N, C-alpha and C. Protein backbone atom coordinates (compact mmCIF):
# COMPACT_ATOMS: atom_id res chain seq x y z
N MET A 1 9.59 39.18 114.34
CA MET A 1 9.52 38.67 113.00
C MET A 1 8.43 39.38 112.20
N LYS A 2 7.29 39.64 112.86
CA LYS A 2 6.20 40.34 112.17
C LYS A 2 6.62 41.76 111.82
N LEU A 3 7.41 42.38 112.69
CA LEU A 3 7.88 43.74 112.43
C LEU A 3 8.79 43.78 111.21
N ILE A 4 9.68 42.82 111.10
CA ILE A 4 10.59 42.76 109.96
C ILE A 4 9.80 42.55 108.67
N THR A 5 8.83 41.65 108.70
CA THR A 5 7.99 41.40 107.53
C THR A 5 7.22 42.65 107.14
N LEU A 6 6.69 43.36 108.11
CA LEU A 6 5.96 44.59 107.84
C LEU A 6 6.86 45.65 107.22
N LEU A 7 8.07 45.82 107.77
CA LEU A 7 9.00 46.81 107.24
C LEU A 7 9.43 46.46 105.81
N LEU A 8 9.68 45.20 105.55
CA LEU A 8 10.06 44.79 104.19
C LEU A 8 8.91 45.04 103.22
N GLY A 9 7.69 44.78 103.64
CA GLY A 9 6.53 45.04 102.79
C GLY A 9 6.39 46.51 102.47
N ILE A 10 6.61 47.37 103.45
CA ILE A 10 6.52 48.81 103.25
C ILE A 10 7.62 49.28 102.30
N LEU A 11 8.83 48.76 102.47
CA LEU A 11 9.94 49.15 101.60
C LEU A 11 9.71 48.71 100.16
N LEU A 12 9.10 47.57 99.96
CA LEU A 12 8.85 47.10 98.60
C LEU A 12 7.73 47.87 97.92
N ILE A 13 6.76 48.31 98.67
CA ILE A 13 5.61 49.02 98.09
C ILE A 13 5.91 50.50 97.90
N SER A 14 6.63 51.13 98.79
CA SER A 14 6.82 52.58 98.77
C SER A 14 7.49 53.11 97.50
N PRO A 15 8.53 52.48 96.92
CA PRO A 15 9.10 53.05 95.69
C PRO A 15 8.11 53.07 94.53
N SER A 16 7.27 52.06 94.42
CA SER A 16 6.32 52.04 93.30
C SER A 16 5.25 53.11 93.49
N VAL A 17 4.82 53.35 94.71
CA VAL A 17 3.84 54.40 94.97
C VAL A 17 4.45 55.76 94.69
N TYR A 18 5.69 55.95 95.10
CA TYR A 18 6.39 57.22 94.87
C TYR A 18 6.55 57.46 93.37
N ALA A 19 6.92 56.43 92.62
CA ALA A 19 7.12 56.58 91.18
C ALA A 19 5.80 56.90 90.47
N GLU A 20 4.71 56.34 90.93
CA GLU A 20 3.41 56.61 90.32
C GLU A 20 3.04 58.09 90.46
N ASN A 21 3.36 58.69 91.60
CA ASN A 21 3.00 60.08 91.85
C ASN A 21 3.90 61.06 91.10
N GLU A 22 5.08 60.62 90.68
CA GLU A 22 6.04 61.51 90.04
C GLU A 22 5.90 61.56 88.52
N ARG A 23 5.04 60.76 87.93
CA ARG A 23 4.92 60.72 86.48
C ARG A 23 4.26 62.00 85.95
N PRO A 24 4.83 62.56 84.89
CA PRO A 24 4.19 63.74 84.30
C PRO A 24 2.93 63.33 83.54
N GLU A 25 2.02 64.27 83.42
CA GLU A 25 0.79 64.00 82.70
C GLU A 25 1.09 63.98 81.20
N VAL A 26 0.68 62.92 80.53
CA VAL A 26 0.93 62.76 79.11
C VAL A 26 -0.39 62.84 78.37
N LYS A 27 -0.47 63.81 77.49
CA LYS A 27 -1.66 63.96 76.66
C LYS A 27 -1.27 63.70 75.21
N GLU A 28 -2.25 63.52 74.39
CA GLU A 28 -1.98 63.27 72.98
C GLU A 28 -1.25 64.46 72.38
N GLY A 29 -0.11 64.20 71.77
CA GLY A 29 0.63 65.25 71.10
C GLY A 29 1.77 65.85 71.89
N ASN A 30 1.88 65.60 73.21
CA ASN A 30 2.97 66.20 73.98
C ASN A 30 3.96 65.16 74.49
N ILE A 31 4.07 64.05 73.82
CA ILE A 31 5.02 63.01 74.23
C ILE A 31 6.40 63.38 73.66
N PRO A 32 7.39 63.60 74.54
CA PRO A 32 8.72 63.96 74.04
C PRO A 32 9.37 62.77 73.34
N GLN A 33 9.99 63.02 72.21
CA GLN A 33 10.64 61.97 71.44
C GLN A 33 12.15 62.20 71.47
N GLY A 34 12.85 61.51 72.36
CA GLY A 34 14.29 61.57 72.40
C GLY A 34 14.85 60.53 71.44
N THR A 35 16.16 60.46 71.35
CA THR A 35 16.80 59.50 70.47
C THR A 35 17.78 58.63 71.23
N ILE A 36 18.00 57.45 70.72
CA ILE A 36 19.00 56.54 71.28
C ILE A 36 19.95 56.19 70.14
N THR A 37 21.24 56.45 70.34
CA THR A 37 22.27 56.14 69.36
C THR A 37 23.10 54.99 69.89
N ILE A 38 23.26 53.95 69.10
CA ILE A 38 24.05 52.79 69.50
C ILE A 38 25.37 52.81 68.75
N ARG A 39 26.46 52.78 69.49
CA ARG A 39 27.80 52.81 68.91
C ARG A 39 28.53 51.52 69.33
N ALA A 40 28.90 50.72 68.35
CA ALA A 40 29.60 49.47 68.63
C ALA A 40 31.09 49.67 68.42
N GLY A 41 31.88 49.28 69.41
CA GLY A 41 33.32 49.34 69.32
C GLY A 41 33.92 47.95 69.45
N GLU A 42 35.23 47.88 69.52
CA GLU A 42 35.90 46.58 69.67
C GLU A 42 35.65 45.97 71.05
N ASP A 43 35.74 46.81 72.08
CA ASP A 43 35.64 46.31 73.45
C ASP A 43 34.28 46.56 74.09
N THR A 44 33.58 47.60 73.63
CA THR A 44 32.32 47.98 74.27
C THR A 44 31.26 48.39 73.23
N THR A 45 30.02 48.35 73.67
CA THR A 45 28.91 48.92 72.92
C THR A 45 28.29 49.99 73.79
N MET A 46 28.03 51.17 73.21
CA MET A 46 27.47 52.28 73.98
C MET A 46 26.11 52.66 73.42
N HIS A 47 25.15 52.88 74.32
CA HIS A 47 23.83 53.38 73.95
C HIS A 47 23.73 54.79 74.51
N GLU A 48 23.67 55.79 73.65
CA GLU A 48 23.55 57.19 74.09
C GLU A 48 22.08 57.60 74.05
N TYR A 49 21.58 58.07 75.17
CA TYR A 49 20.19 58.54 75.28
C TYR A 49 20.21 60.05 75.27
N ARG A 50 19.47 60.65 74.31
CA ARG A 50 19.44 62.11 74.16
C ARG A 50 18.03 62.64 74.36
N THR A 51 17.96 63.86 74.88
CA THR A 51 16.69 64.55 75.02
C THR A 51 16.23 65.03 73.65
N PRO A 52 14.97 65.49 73.52
CA PRO A 52 14.53 66.04 72.24
C PRO A 52 15.38 67.24 71.79
N GLY A 53 16.03 67.92 72.72
CA GLY A 53 16.91 69.04 72.38
C GLY A 53 18.30 68.61 71.93
N GLY A 54 18.62 67.31 72.04
CA GLY A 54 19.91 66.80 71.58
C GLY A 54 20.95 66.61 72.67
N GLN A 55 20.65 66.95 73.92
CA GLN A 55 21.62 66.80 75.00
C GLN A 55 21.65 65.36 75.49
N VAL A 56 22.86 64.81 75.66
CA VAL A 56 23.02 63.45 76.19
C VAL A 56 22.74 63.49 77.68
N TYR A 57 21.81 62.65 78.15
CA TYR A 57 21.51 62.60 79.58
C TYR A 57 21.84 61.26 80.21
N LYS A 58 22.11 60.23 79.39
CA LYS A 58 22.45 58.93 79.94
C LYS A 58 23.19 58.14 78.88
N VAL A 59 24.20 57.37 79.31
CA VAL A 59 24.94 56.49 78.41
C VAL A 59 25.01 55.13 79.08
N MET A 60 24.58 54.10 78.35
CA MET A 60 24.70 52.73 78.84
C MET A 60 25.91 52.12 78.16
N ILE A 61 26.85 51.61 78.95
CA ILE A 61 28.06 51.02 78.41
C ILE A 61 28.01 49.52 78.67
N ILE A 62 28.14 48.76 77.59
CA ILE A 62 28.08 47.30 77.68
C ILE A 62 29.44 46.76 77.24
N PRO A 63 30.30 46.40 78.19
CA PRO A 63 31.61 45.85 77.81
C PRO A 63 31.48 44.40 77.34
N LYS A 64 32.46 43.96 76.53
CA LYS A 64 32.45 42.56 76.09
C LYS A 64 32.59 41.62 77.28
N LYS A 65 33.44 42.02 78.24
CA LYS A 65 33.61 41.25 79.48
C LYS A 65 33.19 42.12 80.64
N GLY A 66 32.34 41.62 81.49
CA GLY A 66 31.88 42.39 82.64
C GLY A 66 30.42 42.78 82.49
N ARG A 67 29.92 43.48 83.50
CA ARG A 67 28.51 43.87 83.55
C ARG A 67 28.31 45.25 82.94
N PRO A 68 27.14 45.47 82.34
CA PRO A 68 26.81 46.81 81.82
C PRO A 68 26.67 47.83 82.96
N TYR A 69 26.90 49.10 82.65
CA TYR A 69 26.72 50.16 83.63
C TYR A 69 26.29 51.43 82.91
N PHE A 70 25.79 52.39 83.69
CA PHE A 70 25.27 53.65 83.16
C PHE A 70 26.09 54.82 83.66
N LEU A 71 26.30 55.81 82.81
CA LEU A 71 26.79 57.13 83.20
C LEU A 71 25.61 58.06 83.01
N VAL A 72 25.28 58.82 84.06
CA VAL A 72 24.07 59.63 84.05
C VAL A 72 24.39 61.08 84.39
N ASP A 73 23.74 62.00 83.69
CA ASP A 73 23.82 63.42 84.02
C ASP A 73 22.82 63.68 85.14
N SER A 74 23.29 63.63 86.37
CA SER A 74 22.39 63.67 87.53
C SER A 74 21.82 65.06 87.81
N ASP A 75 22.53 66.12 87.42
CA ASP A 75 22.04 67.45 87.76
C ASP A 75 21.76 68.33 86.54
N GLY A 76 21.84 67.78 85.34
CA GLY A 76 21.47 68.52 84.14
C GLY A 76 22.50 69.51 83.64
N ASN A 77 23.76 69.41 84.11
CA ASN A 77 24.78 70.36 83.68
C ASN A 77 25.56 69.90 82.45
N GLY A 78 25.26 68.71 81.93
CA GLY A 78 25.91 68.22 80.73
C GLY A 78 27.07 67.28 80.96
N SER A 79 27.50 67.11 82.22
CA SER A 79 28.59 66.18 82.49
C SER A 79 28.02 64.88 83.04
N LEU A 80 28.50 63.78 82.51
CA LEU A 80 28.04 62.46 82.94
C LEU A 80 28.89 62.04 84.12
N ASP A 81 28.33 62.15 85.31
CA ASP A 81 29.16 62.00 86.50
C ASP A 81 28.70 60.91 87.45
N LEU A 82 27.55 60.33 87.25
CA LEU A 82 27.04 59.35 88.19
C LEU A 82 27.03 57.99 87.53
N VAL A 83 27.64 57.01 88.18
CA VAL A 83 27.68 55.65 87.65
C VAL A 83 26.60 54.83 88.32
N GLN A 84 25.79 54.15 87.50
CA GLN A 84 24.76 53.26 88.03
C GLN A 84 25.02 51.88 87.45
N TRP A 85 25.25 50.90 88.33
CA TRP A 85 25.50 49.53 87.89
C TRP A 85 24.18 48.76 87.87
N ILE A 86 24.06 47.86 86.93
CA ILE A 86 22.92 46.95 86.91
C ILE A 86 23.28 45.79 87.83
N LEU A 87 22.61 45.69 88.97
CA LEU A 87 22.94 44.68 89.95
C LEU A 87 22.32 43.33 89.62
N HIS A 88 21.08 43.37 89.18
CA HIS A 88 20.39 42.11 88.88
C HIS A 88 19.34 42.36 87.81
N SER A 89 19.22 41.46 86.89
CA SER A 89 18.16 41.58 85.88
C SER A 89 17.67 40.19 85.54
N TRP A 90 16.43 40.14 85.10
CA TRP A 90 15.88 38.86 84.69
C TRP A 90 14.99 39.02 83.54
């Protein structure tokens, strides 16, 4: 039981430590300003996330019925090929 508790503790802490080390250094004046475009349709609402260069790198799709999901450009080639579902939010 102690081993399971220890492993769960390590798993919960490790992603946050990893994310802290991966952050780029932000100085005054070099903060990239991307844009978010919201498009409302009959069945869905889409949030398009663009880089400062104008390339779409992520789209959040919010259907009227069902859970929101993301299409992500995982390798930077311009095609949105990876689906990420929101499993839980609070």
